């Protein structure tokens, strides 16, 4: 591998300065949908003391505390004078009171919320994610180069209209339980979440989606069984590889890292078991039909597994690996691993990720191809409503088989758009053999318990040669860098 020592050093040291916030102090070892940054609350235990005889009036007057000064903590310790954000000025010297009384979000509302669901461990809900990404270059083909998910420039995108249903299979460490989950998606993100043999035929033609951008996908459909500390999934499920996830509610940023977009699988079909060795260690292992597949292109099974360590003070370390043959002849192996470390420091959370992948016979000359990179995240929680964050990434596509060119012309001379998806391989002269860098700074605003606004500024640049067709990655193939300002609105239900 032509690994640049300078590139690695810059990637590890180059996280932009600033305040930031993380999705969670715990590494997402399972890519599962989650509510939009719901706050966890601590409730005090209240009790009634035995009644005491009332003191004489003189003693009561002497024992009574002096009136608290306006703006002090004592003036709003009952929250009566600080129960809305508009009245925070009355206790502006007591930030903790304002945070807990004025800015408390409450519980999110759900369309499917009833006693029957609660009694049987059922849940159902979803979200709507819609975005707009401004690209000052205004490319003629209206694509933001190899940036996926929010890949359309200067136009409204309906990214995810999502519905999920789940029956919990949590045994709480004792006994037997069963359950399962489905996730259904409609929107423009279907193009990055489809599975071969499910939404598309193995030959790449669509099964039921006929629109160029909008379509439907079924990212998860599995049964789950638990016995004591063992849990087993059977079906179609999200990968355990990496840090960022497909569901919009599980990420701080609207856009995604190249590592997640091009270096990792999104989904698998097979069987996966997780065993909790202790409160701090769990191991996962199973067999799948490959990357992003419902029907395999061969009869060989892939291995998927990992181990997660969770510390007692807000830290975690996760390792995940997948390996197997992904070609028709079952002779060319594809292997990749991911390491994700997370550590909380008060209101800060730092996340470090490293991925490496290799595939036999994938390069243009038939030799082994490789890709690897380093991601860093820094997150900071201001309060229950406001969080800020930063991401800095270096991703290396050694042989130009992972990050594809999205520009070119069809036979008619019009701009073409390849129907790319997760885990796709490049073709000769189509990919970029070089280094991709991106720096992203963003802010999350939790307007209500059911409404999240995300805004980010992102700078991408590419260090490497033009592809075989003479194109650069950005601005209709004419530029090696670009700036994006992305915004989206997530409404959960």
Protein backbone atom coordinates (compact mmCIF):
# COMPACT_ATOMS: atom_id res chain seq x y z
CA UNK A 1 0.00 0.00 0.00
CA UNK A 2 1.32 3.38 -0.92
CA UNK A 3 0.63 4.82 2.50
CA UNK A 4 1.85 8.36 3.09
CA UNK A 5 3.36 8.88 6.56
CA UNK A 6 2.79 12.61 6.20
CA UNK A 7 -0.89 12.06 5.35
CA UNK A 8 -1.42 9.89 8.42
CA UNK A 9 0.29 12.40 10.69
CA UNK A 10 -1.79 15.29 9.37
CA UNK A 11 -5.00 13.26 9.66
CA UNK A 12 -4.35 12.33 13.28
CA UNK A 13 -3.31 15.83 14.33
CA UNK A 14 -5.62 17.92 12.18
CA UNK A 15 -9.02 18.06 13.86
CA UNK A 16 -10.20 21.67 13.52
CA UNK A 17 -10.24 23.65 16.73
CA UNK A 18 -13.65 24.35 18.16
CA UNK A 19 -16.35 23.08 20.39
CA UNK A 20 -18.27 20.01 19.45
CA UNK A 21 -20.86 17.46 20.45
CA UNK A 22 -21.19 13.71 19.83
CA UNK A 23 -24.07 11.48 19.07
CA UNK A 24 -23.26 9.58 22.24
CA UNK A 25 -20.40 8.89 24.58
CA UNK A 26 -20.89 5.27 23.75
CA UNK A 27 -19.57 4.03 20.40
CA UNK A 28 -22.33 2.86 18.12
CA UNK A 29 -21.27 -0.73 17.81
CA UNK A 30 -24.66 -1.58 16.30
CA UNK A 31 -26.00 0.60 13.51
CA UNK A 32 -29.52 1.06 14.77
CA UNK A 33 -31.99 3.90 14.48
CA UNK A 34 -32.39 6.08 17.54
CA UNK A 35 -34.66 8.97 18.56
CA UNK A 36 -33.34 12.41 17.82
CA UNK A 37 -30.98 13.24 20.68
CA UNK A 38 -33.53 12.62 23.39
CA UNK A 39 -32.30 13.88 26.74
CA UNK A 40 -32.01 11.56 29.70
CA UNK A 41 -33.52 12.90 32.89
CA UNK A 42 -32.83 12.11 36.52
CA UNK A 43 -35.74 12.13 38.88
CA UNK A 44 -35.40 12.79 42.63
CA UNK A 45 -37.01 10.48 45.14
CA UNK A 46 -39.60 12.32 47.15
CA UNK A 47 -41.02 11.24 50.47
CA UNK A 48 -43.35 12.70 53.08
CA UNK A 49 -41.88 13.40 56.48
CA UNK A 50 -43.85 12.89 59.67
CA UNK A 51 -45.95 15.90 60.51
CA UNK A 52 -44.50 18.09 63.26
CA UNK A 53 -46.38 20.50 65.47
CA UNK A 54 -46.45 24.00 64.06
CA UNK A 55 -43.92 26.31 65.83
CA UNK A 56 -45.06 29.46 67.53
CA UNK A 57 -45.46 32.42 65.19
CA UNK A 58 -42.37 34.18 66.53
CA UNK A 59 -40.19 31.13 66.05
CA UNK A 60 -41.56 30.56 62.54
CA UNK A 61 -40.79 34.14 61.59
CA UNK A 62 -37.25 33.86 62.92
CA UNK A 63 -36.67 30.54 61.18
CA UNK A 64 -37.99 31.66 57.81
CA UNK A 65 -35.22 32.19 55.22
CA UNK A 66 -34.61 35.67 53.90
CA UNK A 67 -36.16 36.41 50.49
CA UNK A 68 -33.77 35.48 47.70
CA UNK A 69 -32.40 38.19 45.47
CA UNK A 70 -33.83 38.34 41.97
CA UNK A 71 -31.70 36.35 39.58
CA UNK A 72 -30.23 34.03 42.18
CA UNK A 73 -30.56 30.26 42.20
CA UNK A 74 -32.77 30.34 45.26
CA UNK A 75 -35.25 32.59 43.49
CA UNK A 76 -36.12 29.86 41.04
CA UNK A 77 -35.34 26.67 42.87
CA UNK A 78 -38.95 25.62 42.59
CA UNK A 79 -38.96 26.44 38.87
CA UNK A 80 -42.14 28.49 39.36
CA UNK A 81 -40.49 31.67 38.14
CA UNK A 82 -38.51 29.95 35.43
CA UNK A 83 -40.78 27.56 33.63
CA UNK A 84 -40.51 28.98 30.14
CA UNK A 85 -37.54 30.13 28.11
CA UNK A 86 -39.08 33.60 27.82
CA UNK A 87 -38.71 34.07 31.58
CA UNK A 88 -35.08 32.97 31.82
CA UNK A 89 -34.03 36.56 32.46
CA UNK A 90 -35.55 36.29 35.91
CA UNK A 91 -32.81 33.84 36.87
CA UNK A 92 -30.07 34.63 34.41
CA UNK A 93 -27.42 34.23 37.08
CA UNK A 94 -28.49 30.65 37.65
CA UNK A 95 -27.74 28.80 34.41
CA UNK A 96 -28.45 25.40 35.92
CA UNK A 97 -31.94 26.51 36.81
CA UNK A 98 -32.58 27.89 33.36
CA UNK A 99 -31.24 24.74 31.72
CA UNK A 100 -33.40 22.44 33.81
CA UNK A 101 -36.55 24.55 34.03
CA UNK A 102 -36.66 26.71 30.93
CA UNK A 103 -35.09 24.49 28.32
CA UNK A 104 -36.35 21.07 29.35
CA UNK A 105 -37.64 19.34 26.22
CA UNK A 106 -40.02 16.86 27.76
CA UNK A 107 -40.90 13.53 26.19
CA UNK A 108 -41.26 13.19 22.40
CA UNK A 109 -44.72 12.50 21.00
CA UNK A 110 -45.33 9.34 19.00
CA UNK A 111 -48.08 8.48 16.55
CA UNK A 112 -48.20 4.91 17.80
CA UNK A 113 -48.24 5.25 21.57
CA UNK A 114 -50.74 3.10 23.43
CA UNK A 115 -51.03 0.79 26.41
CA UNK A 116 -51.19 -2.30 24.19
CA UNK A 117 -47.76 -1.52 22.72
CA UNK A 118 -46.27 -0.88 26.14
CA UNK A 119 -47.72 -4.03 27.63
CA UNK A 120 -46.26 -6.22 24.87
CA UNK A 121 -42.89 -4.54 24.45
CA UNK A 122 -43.82 -3.07 21.06
CA UNK A 123 -42.79 0.25 19.56
CA UNK A 124 -43.48 1.93 16.25
CA UNK A 125 -42.44 5.31 14.92
CA UNK A 126 -40.27 7.08 12.40
CA UNK A 127 -39.12 10.44 11.09
CA UNK A 128 -39.05 12.79 8.14
CA UNK A 129 -35.67 14.19 7.12
CA UNK A 130 -35.52 16.91 4.47
CA UNK A 131 -32.52 18.99 3.47
CA UNK A 132 -31.05 21.73 1.30
CA UNK A 133 -27.33 21.95 0.47
CA UNK A 134 -25.91 25.15 -1.01
CA UNK A 135 -22.97 24.76 -3.37
CA UNK A 136 -21.53 28.15 -4.46
CA UNK A 137 -19.99 26.53 -7.56
CA UNK A 138 -23.52 25.78 -8.86
CA UNK A 139 -22.42 22.76 -10.94
CA UNK A 140 -24.43 22.26 -14.12
CA UNK A 141 -25.20 18.62 -13.31
CA UNK A 142 -26.34 19.69 -9.81
CA UNK A 143 -24.25 17.02 -8.08
CA UNK A 144 -21.93 17.69 -5.17
CA UNK A 145 -19.31 15.38 -6.61
CA UNK A 146 -18.73 12.15 -4.68
CA UNK A 147 -20.60 13.43 -1.59
CA UNK A 148 -23.52 11.05 -1.14
CA UNK A 149 -26.82 11.34 0.80
CA UNK A 150 -26.95 15.17 0.40
CA UNK A 151 -25.43 14.89 -3.08
CA UNK A 152 -27.81 17.28 -4.88
CA UNK A 153 -26.77 20.94 -4.95
CA UNK A 154 -29.04 23.98 -4.55
CA UNK A 155 -32.32 22.08 -4.46
CA UNK A 156 -34.74 20.63 -1.94
CA UNK A 157 -34.16 16.98 -1.02
CA UNK A 158 -36.55 14.62 0.71
CA UNK A 159 -33.91 12.36 2.18
CA UNK A 160 -35.77 9.98 4.47
CA UNK A 161 -39.42 9.27 5.16
CA UNK A 162 -38.89 6.47 7.65
CA UNK A 163 -41.11 3.99 9.47
CA UNK A 164 -39.96 1.32 11.91
CA UNK A 165 -41.59 -1.27 14.11
CA UNK A 166 -39.92 -3.29 16.84
CA UNK A 167 -40.64 -5.87 19.49
CA UNK A 168 -38.03 -5.86 22.20
CA UNK A 169 -36.12 -9.09 22.83
CA UNK A 170 -34.33 -7.80 25.93
CA UNK A 171 -34.01 -10.54 28.54
CA UNK A 172 -32.36 -8.19 31.06
CA UNK A 173 -29.80 -10.96 31.49
CA UNK A 174 -32.24 -13.63 32.59
CA UNK A 175 -34.55 -15.99 30.72
CA UNK A 176 -35.78 -16.18 27.13
CA UNK A 177 -37.26 -13.44 24.94
CA UNK A 178 -38.07 -13.03 21.27
CA UNK A 179 -38.72 -10.07 19.03
CA UNK A 180 -37.71 -8.44 15.79
CA UNK A 181 -37.60 -5.24 13.80
CA UNK A 182 -38.38 -3.77 10.41
CA UNK A 183 -37.28 -0.44 8.92
CA UNK A 184 -38.87 0.98 5.77
CA UNK A 185 -37.53 4.01 3.92
CA UNK A 186 -38.84 6.23 1.13
CA UNK A 187 -36.88 9.13 -0.29
CA UNK A 188 -33.69 10.01 -2.08
CA UNK A 189 -31.49 8.10 0.37
CA UNK A 190 -32.82 4.79 -0.96
CA UNK A 191 -30.03 4.96 -3.58
CA UNK A 192 -27.43 4.48 -0.86
CA UNK A 193 -29.20 1.83 1.21
CA UNK A 194 -30.48 -0.73 -1.29
CA UNK A 195 -29.49 -4.39 -1.16
CA UNK A 196 -28.74 -6.50 -4.19
CA UNK A 197 -31.55 -9.00 -4.67
CA UNK A 198 -34.05 -7.00 -2.59
CA UNK A 199 -34.59 -3.50 -3.97
CA UNK A 200 -32.50 -4.37 -7.02
CA UNK A 201 -31.84 -7.49 -9.05
CA UNK A 202 -28.39 -9.00 -8.88
CA UNK A 203 -27.69 -7.59 -12.37
CA UNK A 204 -28.25 -4.03 -11.07
CA UNK A 205 -31.71 -3.36 -12.51
CA UNK A 206 -34.40 -2.03 -10.18
CA UNK A 207 -37.13 -4.31 -8.88
CA UNK A 208 -39.78 -1.79 -7.88
CA UNK A 209 -38.18 1.66 -7.95
CA UNK A 210 -38.69 3.44 -11.25
CA UNK A 211 -37.86 7.06 -10.37
CA UNK A 212 -34.41 8.48 -10.97
CA UNK A 213 -33.96 9.80 -7.43
CA UNK A 214 -36.90 8.76 -5.25
CA UNK A 215 -37.51 5.19 -4.22
CA UNK A 216 -38.25 2.75 -1.41
CA UNK A 217 -35.92 0.48 0.54
CA UNK A 218 -36.12 -2.00 3.40
CA UNK A 219 -32.84 -1.50 5.32
CA UNK A 220 -33.77 -3.91 8.12
CA UNK A 221 -36.04 -6.93 8.49
CA UNK A 222 -35.00 -9.46 11.10
CA UNK A 223 -36.13 -11.69 13.93
CA UNK A 224 -34.29 -11.62 17.24
CA UNK A 225 -34.00 -14.16 20.03
CA UNK A 226 -32.46 -13.68 23.46
CA UNK A 227 -31.45 -16.12 26.16
CA UNK A 228 -29.84 -14.76 29.30
CA UNK A 229 -26.82 -12.76 28.00
CA UNK A 230 -27.00 -14.10 24.42
CA UNK A 231 -28.85 -12.34 21.59
CA UNK A 232 -29.19 -13.59 17.99
CA UNK A 233 -30.43 -11.71 14.91
CA UNK A 234 -31.58 -13.61 11.83
CA UNK A 235 -32.47 -11.69 8.68
CA UNK A 236 -31.46 -8.38 7.14
CA UNK A 237 -29.77 -5.88 9.47
CA UNK A 238 -27.41 -2.91 9.70
CA UNK A 239 -23.69 -3.56 9.89
CA UNK A 240 -21.67 -3.35 13.11
CA UNK A 241 -18.77 -1.79 11.17
CA UNK A 242 -17.81 1.86 11.71
CA UNK A 243 -19.24 4.86 13.53
CA UNK A 244 -21.71 6.73 11.31
CA UNK A 245 -25.07 5.14 10.47
CA UNK A 246 -27.74 5.25 7.77
CA UNK A 247 -30.68 6.59 9.88
CA UNK A 248 -30.57 10.39 10.01
CA UNK A 249 -31.50 10.36 13.70
CA UNK A 250 -28.32 8.48 14.58
CA UNK A 251 -25.83 11.07 13.30
CA UNK A 252 -24.75 14.52 14.36
CA UNK A 253 -24.01 15.65 10.80
CA UNK A 254 -26.20 15.77 7.70
CA UNK A 255 -23.35 14.72 5.39
CA UNK A 256 -21.26 11.58 5.80
CA UNK A 257 -17.58 10.77 5.89
CA UNK A 258 -15.97 9.16 2.83
CA UNK A 259 -14.98 6.28 5.10
CA UNK A 260 -18.62 5.42 5.75
CA UNK A 261 -19.83 6.20 2.23
CA UNK A 262 -17.22 4.25 0.29
CA UNK A 263 -15.17 2.13 2.68
CA UNK A 264 -17.79 0.18 4.65
CA UNK A 265 -20.85 -2.01 4.14
CA UNK A 266 -24.23 -0.65 5.19
CA UNK A 267 -26.30 -3.80 5.61
CA UNK A 268 -25.96 -7.61 5.74
CA UNK A 269 -28.27 -10.59 5.44
CA UNK A 270 -27.52 -13.60 7.63
CA UNK A 271 -27.26 -14.51 11.30
CA UNK A 272 -25.41 -12.52 13.97
CA UNK A 273 -24.99 -13.40 17.64
CA UNK A 274 -23.93 -11.07 20.47
CA UNK A 275 -22.84 -12.34 23.87
CA UNK A 276 -22.35 -10.10 26.87
CA UNK A 277 -19.31 -11.39 28.72
CA UNK A 278 -19.62 -8.74 31.43
CA UNK A 279 -20.96 -5.26 31.97
CA UNK A 280 -17.87 -3.98 30.16
CA UNK A 281 -17.21 -6.52 27.37
CA UNK A 282 -19.40 -7.99 24.64
CA UNK A 283 -18.46 -10.08 21.59
CA UNK A 284 -20.30 -10.43 18.28
CA UNK A 285 -19.96 -13.02 15.51
CA UNK A 286 -21.92 -14.50 12.66
CA UNK A 287 -22.17 -15.25 8.96
CA UNK A 288 -23.64 -13.10 6.18
CA UNK A 289 -24.14 -13.13 2.44
CA UNK A 290 -21.70 -10.27 1.87
CA UNK A 291 -21.93 -6.49 1.62
CA UNK A 292 -25.35 -4.91 1.06
CA UNK A 293 -26.93 -8.05 -0.32
CA UNK A 294 -30.17 -9.94 0.07
CA UNK A 295 -29.19 -12.53 -2.52
CA UNK A 296 -25.51 -13.37 -2.78
CA UNK A 297 -23.69 -13.54 -6.11
CA UNK A 298 -22.01 -16.74 -4.91
CA UNK A 299 -22.65 -19.51 -2.42
CA UNK A 300 -19.89 -18.56 0.03
CA UNK A 301 -20.65 -17.04 3.41
CA UNK A 302 -18.80 -14.02 4.82
CA UNK A 303 -17.74 -13.68 8.45
CA UNK A 304 -18.86 -10.63 10.45
CA UNK A 305 -17.70 -10.09 14.02
CA UNK A 306 -16.28 -7.77 16.60
CA UNK A 307 -15.67 -6.96 20.24
CA UNK A 308 -16.68 -3.93 22.30
CA UNK A 309 -15.16 -2.66 25.55
CA UNK A 310 -17.14 -0.12 27.55
CA UNK A 311 -15.38 1.78 30.32
CA UNK A 312 -16.85 2.95 33.58
CA UNK A 313 -16.08 6.61 32.94
CA UNK A 314 -17.63 7.38 29.57
CA UNK A 315 -15.18 5.57 27.29
CA UNK A 316 -15.49 2.72 24.81
CA UNK A 317 -13.47 0.83 22.21
CA UNK A 318 -14.98 -1.24 19.40
CA UNK A 319 -13.37 -3.44 16.76
CA UNK A 320 -15.34 -4.85 13.83
CA UNK A 321 -14.26 -7.05 10.92
CA UNK A 322 -15.88 -8.57 7.84
CA UNK A 323 -14.22 -10.95 5.38
CA UNK A 324 -15.31 -13.20 2.53
CA UNK A 325 -15.46 -13.68 -1.23
CA UNK A 326 -17.64 -11.16 -3.04
CA UNK A 327 -17.12 -12.16 -6.68
CA UNK A 328 -19.02 -14.56 -8.90
CA UNK A 329 -16.20 -17.11 -8.93
CA UNK A 330 -15.79 -17.16 -5.12
CA UNK A 331 -12.04 -16.74 -5.47
CA UNK A 332 -11.49 -13.04 -4.72
CA UNK A 333 -11.56 -12.10 -1.05
CA UNK A 334 -12.66 -8.74 0.36
CA UNK A 335 -11.66 -7.94 3.94
CA UNK A 336 -11.99 -4.79 5.98
CA UNK A 337 -11.85 -3.80 9.63
CA UNK A 338 -12.83 -0.75 11.64
CA UNK A 339 -11.62 0.54 15.02
CA UNK A 340 -13.71 3.14 16.86
CA UNK A 341 -12.65 4.67 20.18
CA UNK A 342 -14.76 7.15 22.15
CA UNK A 343 -14.09 9.10 25.34
CA UNK A 344 -16.22 11.64 27.20
CA UNK A 345 -14.58 14.55 29.07
CA UNK A 346 -17.33 16.37 30.90
CA UNK A 347 -19.46 17.99 28.20
CA UNK A 348 -16.93 17.04 25.50
CA UNK A 349 -16.78 13.77 23.59
CA UNK A 350 -13.90 12.74 21.33
CA UNK A 351 -14.18 9.94 18.77
CA UNK A 352 -11.36 8.37 16.77
CA UNK A 353 -11.94 5.96 13.89
CA UNK A 354 -9.60 4.01 11.61
CA UNK A 355 -10.67 1.76 8.72
CA UNK A 356 -8.69 -0.42 6.34
CA UNK A 357 -9.97 -2.59 3.49
CA UNK A 358 -8.43 -4.79 0.78
CA UNK A 359 -9.93 -6.71 -2.12
CA UNK A 360 -8.31 -9.22 -4.42
CA UNK A 361 -8.45 -8.54 -8.14
CA UNK A 362 -10.36 -5.27 -7.77
CA UNK A 363 -7.85 -2.86 -9.33
CA UNK A 364 -7.90 -1.97 -13.02
CA UNK A 365 -4.95 -4.29 -13.72
CA UNK A 366 -6.42 -7.17 -11.72
CA UNK A 367 -4.24 -6.83 -8.63
CA UNK A 368 -5.31 -6.32 -5.02
CA UNK A 369 -6.90 -2.93 -4.27
CA UNK A 370 -6.84 -1.20 -0.89
CA UNK A 371 -8.45 1.74 0.90
CA UNK A 372 -7.94 3.18 4.39
CA UNK A 373 -8.41 6.31 6.43
CA UNK A 374 -8.65 8.14 9.74
CA UNK A 375 -11.67 10.06 11.08
CA UNK A 376 -11.76 12.32 14.13
CA UNK A 377 -14.78 13.89 15.83
CA UNK A 378 -15.06 16.35 18.69
CA UNK A 379 -18.46 17.16 20.18
CA UNK A 380 -19.60 19.59 22.84
CA UNK A 381 -22.96 19.83 24.60
CA UNK A 382 -23.99 23.39 25.44
CA UNK A 383 -27.35 22.39 26.91
CA UNK A 384 -30.27 20.11 26.11
CA UNK A 385 -31.07 22.14 23.02
CA UNK A 386 -27.73 23.22 21.55
CA UNK A 387 -24.76 21.09 20.54
CA UNK A 388 -21.81 21.84 18.28
CA UNK A 389 -19.37 19.49 16.61
CA UNK A 390 -16.46 19.03 14.25
CA UNK A 391 -15.20 16.25 12.01
CA UNK A 392 -11.87 15.94 10.23
CA UNK A 393 -11.15 13.07 7.84
CA UNK A 394 -8.50 11.64 5.58
CA UNK A 395 -9.55 8.82 3.23
CA UNK A 396 -7.18 7.14 0.80
CA UNK A 397 -8.44 5.24 -2.24
CA UNK A 398 -5.19 3.60 -3.30
CA UNK A 399 -6.36 2.23 -6.63
CA UNK A 400 -9.35 4.37 -7.58
CA UNK A 401 -11.93 1.60 -7.08
CA UNK A 402 -14.01 3.04 -4.24
CA UNK A 403 -14.64 6.75 -4.94
CA UNK A 404 -16.18 7.08 -8.37
CA UNK A 405 -16.51 9.92 -10.84
CA UNK A 406 -20.10 11.13 -11.06
CA UNK A 407 -19.55 13.20 -14.19
CA UNK A 408 -19.31 12.38 -17.85
CA UNK A 409 -21.65 12.20 -20.80
CA UNK A 410 -24.03 9.61 -22.13
CA UNK A 411 -24.28 8.67 -25.79
CA UNK A 412 -26.72 11.53 -26.28
CA UNK A 413 -24.21 14.02 -24.88
CA UNK A 414 -26.22 14.81 -21.74
CA UNK A 415 -24.72 14.51 -18.23
CA UNK A 416 -24.91 10.97 -16.93
CA UNK A 417 -25.58 9.81 -13.41
CA UNK A 418 -24.43 6.30 -12.45
CA UNK A 419 -26.78 4.33 -10.24
CA UNK A 420 -24.22 3.91 -7.49
CA UNK A 421 -24.95 2.45 -4.11
CA UNK A 422 -23.23 1.20 -0.97
CA UNK A 423 -20.17 -0.95 -1.43
CA UNK A 424 -20.07 -0.56 -5.20
CA UNK A 425 -16.82 -1.07 -7.07
CA UNK A 426 -15.38 1.33 -9.58
CA UNK A 427 -14.57 0.59 -13.18
CA UNK A 428 -11.40 1.19 -15.13
CA UNK A 429 -10.76 4.93 -15.64
CA UNK A 430 -13.75 5.84 -13.48
CA UNK A 431 -12.36 6.26 -9.96
CA UNK A 432 -9.92 8.57 -8.21
CA UNK A 433 -6.68 7.06 -6.94
CA UNK A 434 -5.69 9.62 -4.33
CA UNK A 435 -6.34 11.24 -0.96
CA UNK A 436 -9.70 12.72 0.00
CA UNK A 437 -9.82 15.22 2.86
CA UNK A 438 -12.84 16.87 4.45
CA UNK A 439 -13.36 19.20 7.40
CA UNK A 440 -16.89 19.78 8.71
CA UNK A 441 -18.18 22.05 11.47
CA UNK A 442 -21.80 21.94 12.52
CA UNK A 443 -24.46 22.80 15.06
CA UNK A 444 -27.58 20.93 16.20
CA UNK A 445 -30.61 22.74 17.59
CA UNK A 446 -33.29 20.66 19.31
CA UNK A 447 -36.29 22.91 18.76
CA UNK A 448 -38.71 20.49 20.43
CA UNK A 449 -38.52 16.90 21.61
CA UNK A 450 -39.70 15.93 18.10
CA UNK A 451 -37.87 18.49 15.96
CA UNK A 452 -34.14 18.80 15.22
CA UNK A 453 -32.39 21.34 12.98
CA UNK A 454 -28.87 20.53 11.78
CA UNK A 455 -26.58 22.97 9.99
CA UNK A 456 -23.02 22.40 8.81
CA UNK A 457 -20.22 23.91 6.74
CA UNK A 458 -18.04 21.41 4.90
CA UNK A 459 -14.82 21.78 2.91
CA UNK A 460 -13.64 18.92 0.66
CA UNK A 461 -10.40 18.68 -1.25
CA UNK A 462 -8.73 15.97 -3.29
CA UNK A 463 -5.01 15.29 -3.62
CA UNK A 464 -4.34 13.02 -6.57
CA UNK A 465 -4.44 12.71 -10.35
CA UNK A 466 -7.48 13.12 -12.56
CA UNK A 467 -9.28 9.89 -13.35
CA UNK A 468 -8.88 8.04 -16.63
CA UNK A 469 -11.52 10.22 -18.27
CA UNK A 470 -9.65 13.39 -17.26
CA UNK A 471 -12.13 14.49 -14.59
CA UNK A 472 -11.60 15.94 -11.12
CA UNK A 473 -14.05 15.04 -8.33
CA UNK A 474 -15.99 18.33 -8.00
CA UNK A 475 -17.77 21.06 -9.97
CA UNK A 476 -18.70 19.06 -13.08
CA UNK A 477 -15.32 17.34 -13.00
CA UNK A 478 -13.32 20.57 -13.21
CA UNK A 479 -12.15 21.14 -9.63
CA UNK A 480 -10.25 19.39 -6.84
CA UNK A 481 -12.07 21.14 -3.97
CA UNK A 482 -15.48 22.43 -3.00
CA UNK A 483 -17.40 24.16 -0.20
CA UNK A 484 -20.88 23.09 0.93
CA UNK A 485 -23.36 24.55 3.39
CA UNK A 486 -25.89 21.91 4.35
CA UNK A 487 -29.07 22.22 6.43
CA UNK A 488 -31.78 19.75 7.28
CA UNK A 489 -34.88 19.39 9.44
CA UNK A 490 -35.74 16.13 11.19
CA UNK A 491 -39.25 15.60 12.56
CA UNK A 492 -39.83 12.41 14.52
CA UNK A 493 -43.17 10.71 15.09
